[in-house]
Protein backbone atom coordinates (compact mmCIF):
# COMPACT_ATOMS: atom_id res chain seq x y z
CA MET A 1 1.00 -10.32 -8.09
CA VAL A 2 2.99 -8.44 -10.75
CA SER A 3 4.26 -5.79 -8.33
CA ARG A 4 5.34 -8.52 -5.92
CA ALA A 5 7.22 -10.36 -8.69
CA LEU A 6 8.98 -7.17 -9.75
CA HIS A 7 9.86 -6.42 -6.15
CA LEU A 8 11.36 -9.91 -5.80
CA SER A 9 13.38 -9.19 -8.96
CA GLY A 10 14.92 -6.03 -7.50
CA LEU A 11 12.41 -3.23 -8.13
CA TYR A 12 12.37 -1.12 -4.96
CA LEU A 13 8.81 -0.45 -3.76
CA GLY A 14 9.58 0.92 -0.30
CA GLU A 15 10.33 -0.41 3.14
CA GLN A 16 8.58 -3.57 4.31
CA GLU A 17 6.31 -1.77 6.74
CA GLN A 18 5.10 0.43 3.87
CA ILE A 19 4.15 -2.33 1.44
CA ARG A 20 3.02 -5.34 3.44
CA ARG A 21 -0.71 -4.61 3.56
CA PHE A 22 -2.98 -7.65 3.31
CA GLY A 23 -6.72 -8.06 2.92
CA ASP A 24 -9.37 -10.71 3.29
CA ASP A 25 -9.64 -10.77 -0.51
CA ASN A 26 -5.86 -10.72 -1.06
CA VAL A 27 -3.93 -12.85 1.41
CA GLU A 28 -0.77 -12.62 -0.74
CA GLY A 29 -0.66 -8.87 -0.13
CA TYR A 30 -1.42 -5.81 -2.25
CA TRP A 31 2.23 -4.65 -2.51
CA GLU A 32 1.04 -1.07 -2.61
CA ASN A 33 3.08 1.68 -0.97
CA ASP A 34 0.86 3.14 1.75
CA ASP A 35 2.29 6.65 1.37
CA PHE A 36 1.38 6.83 -2.32
CA VAL A 37 -2.04 5.26 -1.73
CA ASP A 38 -2.78 7.79 1.02
CA LEU A 39 -1.77 10.72 -1.20
CA ASN A 40 -3.76 9.41 -4.17
CA GLU A 41 -6.89 8.95 -2.07
CA ARG A 42 -6.68 12.51 -0.73
CA LEU A 43 -5.97 13.86 -4.20
CA LEU A 44 -9.02 12.08 -5.63
CA ASP A 45 -11.11 13.44 -2.78
CA VAL A 46 -10.08 17.02 -3.60
CA LEU A 47 -10.91 16.34 -7.27
CA ARG A 48 -14.35 15.15 -6.10
CA GLY A 49 -13.72 11.64 -7.28
CA GLY A 50 -12.73 8.25 -5.94
CA TRP A 51 -11.38 4.91 -7.12
CA ASP A 52 -14.95 4.04 -8.16
CA LEU A 53 -15.89 7.56 -9.29
CA PRO A 54 -13.51 8.81 -12.01
CA PHE A 55 -13.54 12.60 -12.14
CA PRO A 56 -13.80 14.36 -15.54
CA ASP A 57 -10.49 14.00 -17.40
CA GLU A 58 -10.41 17.56 -18.67
CA PRO A 59 -7.15 18.73 -20.31
CA GLY A 60 -4.83 20.54 -17.89
CA TRP A 61 -6.59 19.56 -14.65
CA GLU A 62 -3.24 18.61 -13.13
CA LYS A 63 -2.06 22.25 -13.36
CA ASN A 64 -4.77 23.53 -11.03
CA PRO A 65 -3.11 25.84 -8.42
CA ALA A 66 -5.26 24.24 -5.71
CA LEU A 67 -3.22 21.04 -6.15
CA GLU A 68 0.10 22.68 -5.24
CA PRO A 69 0.19 21.22 -1.68
CA PHE A 70 -0.19 17.78 -3.23
CA ARG A 71 2.60 18.49 -5.71
CA VAL A 72 4.89 19.47 -2.85
CA GLU A 73 4.05 16.29 -0.94
CA ALA A 74 4.45 14.14 -4.06
CA ARG A 75 7.92 15.57 -4.75
CA ARG A 76 8.95 14.77 -1.19
CA LEU A 77 7.77 11.20 -1.61
CA VAL A 78 9.70 10.84 -4.85
CA GLU A 79 12.84 12.32 -3.26
CA TRP A 80 12.81 9.42 -0.81
CA PHE A 81 13.55 7.08 -3.75
CA ALA A 82 16.26 9.25 -5.33
CA ASP A 83 19.13 6.83 -4.55
CA ARG A 84 17.11 3.65 -4.93
CA GLU A 85 16.94 3.04 -8.68
CA PRO A 86 15.14 1.19 -10.08
CA TRP A 87 12.05 1.97 -8.05
CA GLY A 88 8.33 2.19 -8.51
CA TRP A 89 4.96 1.97 -6.83
CA LYS A 90 1.69 0.20 -7.44
CA ASP A 91 -1.72 1.75 -7.00
CA PRO A 92 -4.67 1.23 -9.39
CA ARG A 93 -5.69 4.85 -8.65
CA ASN A 94 -2.65 5.94 -10.67
CA ALA A 95 -4.70 5.20 -13.80
CA LEU A 96 -6.95 8.17 -12.95
CA LEU A 97 -4.08 10.46 -11.94
CA LEU A 98 -1.49 9.90 -14.68
CA PRO A 99 -1.14 13.55 -15.80
CA PHE A 100 -0.38 14.55 -12.20
CA TRP A 101 2.33 11.92 -11.69
CA LYS A 102 3.88 12.43 -15.14
CA ALA A 103 4.42 16.08 -14.21
CA ILE A 104 6.09 15.02 -10.94
CA VAL A 105 8.33 12.27 -12.36
CA PRO A 106 9.70 13.06 -15.84
CA GLY A 107 10.34 9.96 -17.92
CA LEU A 108 7.93 7.83 -15.90
CA ARG A 109 7.38 4.34 -17.32
CA PHE A 110 4.29 2.18 -16.78
CA VAL A 111 3.62 -1.49 -16.21
CA VAL A 112 -0.02 -1.99 -17.24
CA CYS A 113 -1.64 -5.16 -15.90
CA VAL A 114 -4.71 -6.17 -17.88
CA ARG A 115 -7.36 -8.72 -16.99
CA ASP A 116 -10.54 -9.82 -18.72
CA PRO A 117 -13.14 -7.10 -18.02
CA LEU A 118 -15.80 -9.67 -17.17
CA GLU A 119 -13.51 -11.32 -14.60
CA VAL A 120 -12.87 -7.92 -13.03
CA ALA A 121 -16.58 -7.06 -12.98
CA LEU A 122 -17.41 -10.44 -11.39
CA SER A 123 -14.72 -9.95 -8.76
CA LEU A 124 -16.04 -6.50 -7.82
CA ASN A 125 -19.60 -7.79 -7.81
CA GLN A 126 -18.87 -10.75 -5.54
CA ARG A 127 -17.14 -8.42 -3.06
CA GLY A 128 -20.24 -6.22 -3.03
CA ARG A 129 -18.48 -3.25 -4.61
CA SER A 130 -20.46 -2.80 -7.82
CA SER A 131 -22.96 -4.21 -10.25
CA LEU A 132 -21.66 -6.21 -13.22
CA ARG A 133 -22.57 -3.43 -15.64
CA PHE A 134 -20.88 -0.74 -13.57
CA GLY A 135 -17.80 -2.93 -13.07
CA GLN A 136 -17.39 -3.29 -16.84
CA TRP A 137 -17.82 0.45 -17.34
CA LEU A 138 -15.25 1.18 -14.63
CA TRP A 139 -12.76 -1.25 -16.24
CA GLU A 140 -13.18 0.53 -19.57
CA GLU A 141 -12.76 3.99 -18.05
CA TYR A 142 -9.51 3.02 -16.30
CA TYR A 143 -7.88 1.51 -19.38
CA ARG A 144 -9.13 4.22 -21.71
CA ARG A 145 -7.35 6.81 -19.57
CA ILE A 146 -4.21 4.70 -19.42
CA LEU A 147 -4.02 4.52 -23.22
CA VAL A 148 -4.71 8.24 -23.57
CA HIS A 149 -1.92 9.28 -21.21
CA THR A 150 0.76 6.70 -22.05
CA SER A 151 2.31 5.34 -25.24
CA THR A 152 3.86 2.08 -26.42
CA ALA A 153 7.27 3.70 -25.88
CA ASP A 154 6.76 4.19 -22.14
CA ARG A 155 4.49 1.29 -21.17
CA ILE A 156 4.42 -2.48 -21.18
CA VAL A 157 1.15 -4.40 -21.07
CA THR A 158 1.08 -7.74 -19.29
CA HIS A 159 -1.90 -10.07 -19.20
CA TYR A 160 -2.98 -11.58 -15.89
CA ALA A 161 -3.56 -14.98 -17.50
CA SER A 162 -0.09 -14.99 -19.09
CA CYS A 163 1.51 -14.41 -15.70
CA LEU A 164 -0.22 -17.50 -14.33
CA GLU A 165 0.14 -19.74 -17.40
CA ARG A 166 3.69 -18.77 -18.42
CA PRO A 167 5.27 -17.20 -15.33
CA ALA A 168 8.91 -17.67 -16.37
CA GLU A 169 8.45 -16.06 -19.79
CA GLU A 170 6.29 -13.21 -18.48
CA CYS A 171 8.61 -12.48 -15.54
CA ALA A 172 11.56 -12.27 -17.93
CA ARG A 173 9.61 -9.96 -20.25
CA LEU A 174 8.65 -7.61 -17.41
CA ALA A 175 12.14 -7.66 -15.92
CA ILE A 176 13.64 -6.48 -19.21
CA PHE A 177 11.32 -3.49 -19.11
CA VAL A 178 12.48 -2.42 -15.63
CA GLY A 179 16.10 -3.29 -16.28
CA GLN A 180 16.39 -6.14 -13.78
CA PRO A 181 16.92 -9.90 -14.11
CA ALA A 182 13.91 -12.01 -13.21
CA SER A 183 14.53 -13.99 -10.04
CA GLU A 184 13.45 -17.59 -9.47
CA GLU A 185 11.52 -16.44 -6.41
CA ALA A 186 9.60 -13.97 -8.59
CA VAL A 187 8.62 -16.76 -11.00
CA ARG A 188 7.46 -18.97 -8.13
CA SER A 189 5.35 -16.14 -6.71
CA MET A 190 3.06 -16.21 -9.76
CA LYS A 191 0.75 -19.00 -8.60
CA PRO A 192 -2.06 -20.36 -10.82
CA GLY A 193 -4.19 -20.81 -7.69
CA LEU A 194 -4.48 -17.02 -7.36
CA ARG A 195 -7.02 -16.94 -10.20
CA HIS A 196 -10.43 -16.97 -8.55
CA GLN A 197 -12.61 -15.73 -11.41
CA GLN A 198 -12.76 -17.60 -14.71
CA PRO A 199 -16.23 -17.35 -16.26
CA SER A 200 -17.48 -20.36 -18.22
CA PRO A 201 -18.58 -19.94 -21.86
CA ASP A 202 -22.21 -20.20 -20.70
CA ALA A 203 -21.70 -17.40 -18.17
CA ARG A 204 -20.11 -15.22 -20.83
CA ALA A 205 -23.03 -15.81 -23.16
CA ALA A 206 -25.50 -14.91 -20.43
CA ILE A 207 -23.86 -11.60 -19.46
CA ALA A 208 -24.05 -8.73 -21.91
CA THR A 209 -20.76 -6.88 -22.46
CA ARG A 210 -20.09 -3.47 -23.94
CA ARG A 211 -18.72 -3.57 -27.48
CA SER A 212 -16.37 -0.69 -26.71
CA ALA A 213 -14.94 -2.64 -23.76
CA ASP A 214 -14.47 -5.75 -25.93
CA ASP A 215 -12.60 -3.74 -28.57
CA LEU A 216 -10.38 -2.09 -25.96
CA TYR A 217 -9.64 -5.46 -24.36
CA GLU A 218 -8.69 -7.03 -27.71
CA SER A 219 -6.30 -4.14 -28.36
CA LEU A 220 -4.65 -4.58 -24.96
CA VAL A 221 -4.34 -8.35 -25.43
CA ARG A 222 -2.53 -7.81 -28.73
CA GLU A 223 -0.16 -5.34 -27.11
CA ALA A 224 0.52 -7.76 -24.25
CA SER A 225 2.28 -10.01 -26.78
CA PHE A 226 4.69 -7.28 -27.94
CA GLU A 227 8.36 -7.44 -27.09
CA PRO A 228 9.07 -4.84 -24.38
CA VAL A 229 10.98 -1.64 -24.99
CA PRO A 230 14.20 -2.13 -22.96
CA ALA A 231 14.64 0.06 -19.94
CA PRO A 232 17.01 2.99 -20.45
CA PRO A 233 20.33 2.83 -18.59
CA VAL A 234 19.86 3.78 -14.95
CA TRP A 235 22.07 4.08 -11.97
CA ARG A 236 22.06 0.83 -10.13
CA ARG A 237 20.56 1.07 -6.69
CA PRO A 238 23.43 0.83 -4.25
CA ILE A 239 23.23 -1.76 -1.53
CA VAL A 240 21.99 0.37 1.31
CA ALA A 241 22.17 -0.96 4.82
CA PRO A 242 18.88 -0.77 6.74
CA PRO A 243 18.66 2.42 8.80
CA GLU A 244 20.01 2.05 12.30
CA PHE A 245 17.84 2.98 15.24
CA THR A 246 18.84 3.48 18.85
CA MET A 247 16.45 2.72 21.69
CA LYS A 248 15.70 5.84 23.66
CA THR A 249 12.70 4.81 25.76
CA CYS A 250 11.14 1.40 26.42
CA VAL A 251 7.59 1.15 27.73
CA ASP A 252 6.78 -2.23 29.26
CA LEU A 253 3.34 -3.37 28.11
CA THR A 254 3.41 -6.55 30.19
CA ALA A 255 3.18 -5.01 33.66
CA GLY A 256 0.56 -2.87 35.33
CA SER A 257 1.96 0.66 35.29
CA ASP A 258 0.79 4.23 35.24
CA LEU A 259 3.01 4.71 32.16
CA ALA A 260 0.84 2.47 29.96
CA ILE A 261 -2.85 2.29 30.81
CA PRO A 262 -4.76 -0.34 28.77
CA ARG A 263 -8.32 0.41 27.71
CA PHE A 264 -10.78 -2.14 26.31
CA MET A 265 -8.16 -4.83 26.93
CA ASN A 266 -8.15 -7.58 29.54
CA ALA A 267 -4.92 -9.32 30.52
CA VAL A 268 -5.45 -13.08 30.16
CA GLU A 269 -2.10 -14.62 31.00
CA ARG A 270 1.61 -13.94 31.29
CA THR A 271 3.82 -15.92 28.91
CA ALA A 272 7.56 -16.28 28.40
CA ASN A 273 7.37 -13.64 25.65
CA GLY A 274 4.82 -11.13 26.92
CA VAL A 275 1.23 -10.80 28.07
CA VAL A 276 -1.84 -12.08 26.27
CA TYR A 277 -4.68 -9.55 26.08
CA ASP A 278 -8.28 -9.96 24.99
CA ALA A 279 -9.55 -6.90 23.18
CA THR A 280 -13.14 -6.30 24.27
CA SER A 281 -13.87 -3.74 21.54
CA SER A 282 -12.60 -2.85 18.08
CA ASP A 283 -10.65 0.03 19.60
CA PRO A 284 -8.14 -1.51 22.06
CA GLN A 285 -5.50 0.97 23.17
CA PHE A 286 -2.76 1.92 25.57
CA GLU A 287 -2.56 5.51 26.72
CA LEU A 288 1.06 6.38 27.44
CA SER A 289 2.04 8.91 30.09
CA LEU A 290 5.61 9.87 29.22
CA PRO A 291 7.55 13.06 29.90
CA ALA A 292 7.11 15.57 27.06
CA PHE A 293 9.79 15.31 24.38
CA ALA A 294 10.80 17.01 21.13
CA PRO A 295 9.38 15.07 18.16
CA SER A 296 12.65 15.55 16.27
CA SER A 297 14.35 13.37 18.88
CA ILE A 298 12.33 10.26 17.90
CA ARG A 299 12.51 8.74 14.42
CA ALA A 300 10.43 5.62 14.95
CA VAL A 301 8.31 3.66 17.42
CA ARG A 302 8.64 -0.13 17.38
CA PHE A 303 6.56 -2.91 18.88
CA ARG A 304 6.48 -6.72 18.77
CA MET A 305 3.19 -8.57 18.66
CA ARG A 306 1.48 -11.85 17.90
CA ARG A 307 -2.22 -11.90 17.10
CA GLU A 308 -4.90 -14.56 16.82
CA THR A 309 -7.60 -12.52 15.08
CA SER A 310 -8.57 -13.56 11.57
CA GLU A 311 -9.54 -10.15 10.15
CA SER A 312 -7.29 -7.78 8.28
CA ALA A 313 -6.16 -5.15 10.76
CA VAL A 314 -3.99 -2.11 11.32
CA ALA A 315 -2.17 -0.70 14.32
CA GLN A 316 -2.03 3.03 14.96
CA LEU A 317 0.06 5.48 16.92
CA PHE A 318 -1.59 8.76 17.97
CA TRP A 319 0.04 11.83 19.49
CA ILE A 320 -0.84 15.33 20.65
CA HIS A 321 1.38 18.39 20.77
CA THR A 322 -0.50 20.38 23.42
CA PRO A 323 -2.60 19.31 26.43
CA GLU A 324 -5.67 20.95 24.89
CA GLU A 325 -5.63 18.72 21.80
CA GLU A 326 -7.48 15.45 21.44
CA PHE A 327 -6.28 12.34 19.65
CA SER A 328 -7.32 12.33 16.01
CA GLU A 329 -6.50 10.75 12.67
CA LEU A 330 -4.77 14.00 11.68
CA ARG A 331 -2.00 13.20 14.17
CA SER A 332 -1.45 9.50 13.68
CA ALA A 333 0.64 6.89 11.91
CA THR A 334 -0.51 3.48 10.70
CA VAL A 335 1.06 0.10 10.01
CA PHE A 336 -0.73 -2.86 8.48
CA LEU A 337 -0.54 -6.11 10.40
CA ASP A 338 0.54 -9.40 8.91
CA PRO A 339 -2.00 -12.27 8.68
CA ALA A 340 -3.07 -13.79 11.94
CA ASP A 341 -1.09 -17.01 11.41
CA ALA A 342 2.17 -15.16 10.90
CA GLY A 343 3.33 -15.61 14.52
CA TRP A 344 5.46 -13.02 16.31
CA ARG A 345 6.26 -10.00 14.16
CA ASP A 346 8.17 -6.77 14.66
CA TYR A 347 6.46 -3.60 13.44
CA ARG A 348 7.74 -0.06 13.25
CA PHE A 349 5.95 3.27 12.92
CA ARG A 350 8.39 5.30 10.81
CA LEU A 351 8.08 8.93 11.85
CA ASP A 352 11.03 10.22 9.80
CA ARG A 353 9.38 9.86 6.38
CA PRO A 354 6.83 11.89 4.47
CA PRO A 355 3.96 12.43 4.87
CA VAL A 356 3.98 11.30 8.52
CA HIS A 357 7.10 13.31 9.35
CA GLU A 358 5.37 16.60 8.59
CA ARG A 359 2.52 15.76 10.96
CA TRP A 360 4.84 14.39 13.64
CA THR A 361 7.06 17.50 13.77
CA ARG A 362 4.29 20.08 13.45
CA GLY A 363 4.50 20.94 17.17
CA GLU A 364 7.44 21.79 19.41
CA GLN A 365 6.87 18.82 21.68
CA VAL A 366 4.85 15.63 22.05
CA VAL A 367 2.99 15.63 25.35
CA ARG A 368 1.06 12.36 25.08
CA LEU A 369 0.93 9.16 23.03
CA ARG A 370 -1.69 6.52 22.40
CA PHE A 371 -0.93 3.11 20.95
CA ASP A 372 -3.73 1.05 19.37
CA PRO A 373 -2.33 -2.45 18.70
CA ALA A 374 -5.21 -3.27 16.33
CA ASN A 375 -8.61 -2.07 15.18
CA VAL A 376 -10.44 -5.36 15.69
CA GLN A 377 -11.53 -7.49 18.62
CA GLY A 378 -9.56 -10.60 19.45
CA ARG A 379 -6.53 -11.89 21.27
CA PHE A 380 -3.09 -10.27 21.12
CA GLU A 381 0.23 -11.03 22.76
CA LEU A 382 2.38 -7.96 23.39
CA GLU A 383 5.77 -7.22 24.83
CA SER A 384 6.89 -3.58 24.80
CA LEU A 385 6.75 -0.31 22.93
CA ILE A 386 10.12 1.21 22.07
CA LEU A 387 10.79 4.82 21.10
CA GLU A 388 13.81 4.98 18.80
CA ALA A 389 16.19 7.78 17.88
């Protein structure tokens, strides 16, 4: 909610296809940049941790030489935002990785969103992700690390309840911190109906809480009422026109052709806009037989689709560089699909950005493609797949 409001007020979070991931438990969207989330997940894996398994926060861990490939990738990600001030990214995993990112981005500032630890624990518990006791411990571990690795000079704390009860005031307070005016759309995006967990006094009395978590929460609540430290002067992000793409190859997905062979998909009917397919498995796909081409000649692959499935879903593009290779996650790009009631939508696999670009250009040529329009069963209406230069 907060990242969305800041985005609507002018904070650049990335391109739409990077940040429009939805979930069954968050229909408004996570507003997390997929590239940063992907890097953080792999970094936590190398550190033998996870979002629900904080690794030991030993001094200097971020200087480990084994993390150099991640530092290189992180710098490339940050370079993408060089001319897009003010910019930022949201990912709760950042709380566990602050020393790493502070070394990558000097002068980094932090928007810390705090919520009642019992509400967080109940939310995790109802989604089957943890026990109430573990959820409270995890909440405490996250915020303890945030306070250790940030200061009141480089962070602002905002309370979830304040955003819902006083959206105009809280939006203005946050906007000052990032150096942007709060927009009316941002204020409207903070909807009281988004609050799903609000324990009653009886429920609070029945559930034991850790004293250390209560003390930490009280400290954060007090700080959430502070006036923000104004953002330092920054270069205003210039108005940058969307990148232009030129169609190089169009693959018709509405006609039977040796160029696009559907698998686990049955054509149901032809419409004015495309063809309706029923996916008979959770792995529907088109295997594309195109002449080999240099990956550097293609910057993106675009498709237009309407879906009737209710689940959260992603589409994937796979490629191989030699005939001996097999399709794998190591050579793929992903886009998250809008909710099922969103109607026709255009999606684009961006192949010219890190970290996908490095995987895309690793070989001298692309000899075969596979397009998976979703990873769930259901009904989809498709038109064409367009390779863009």
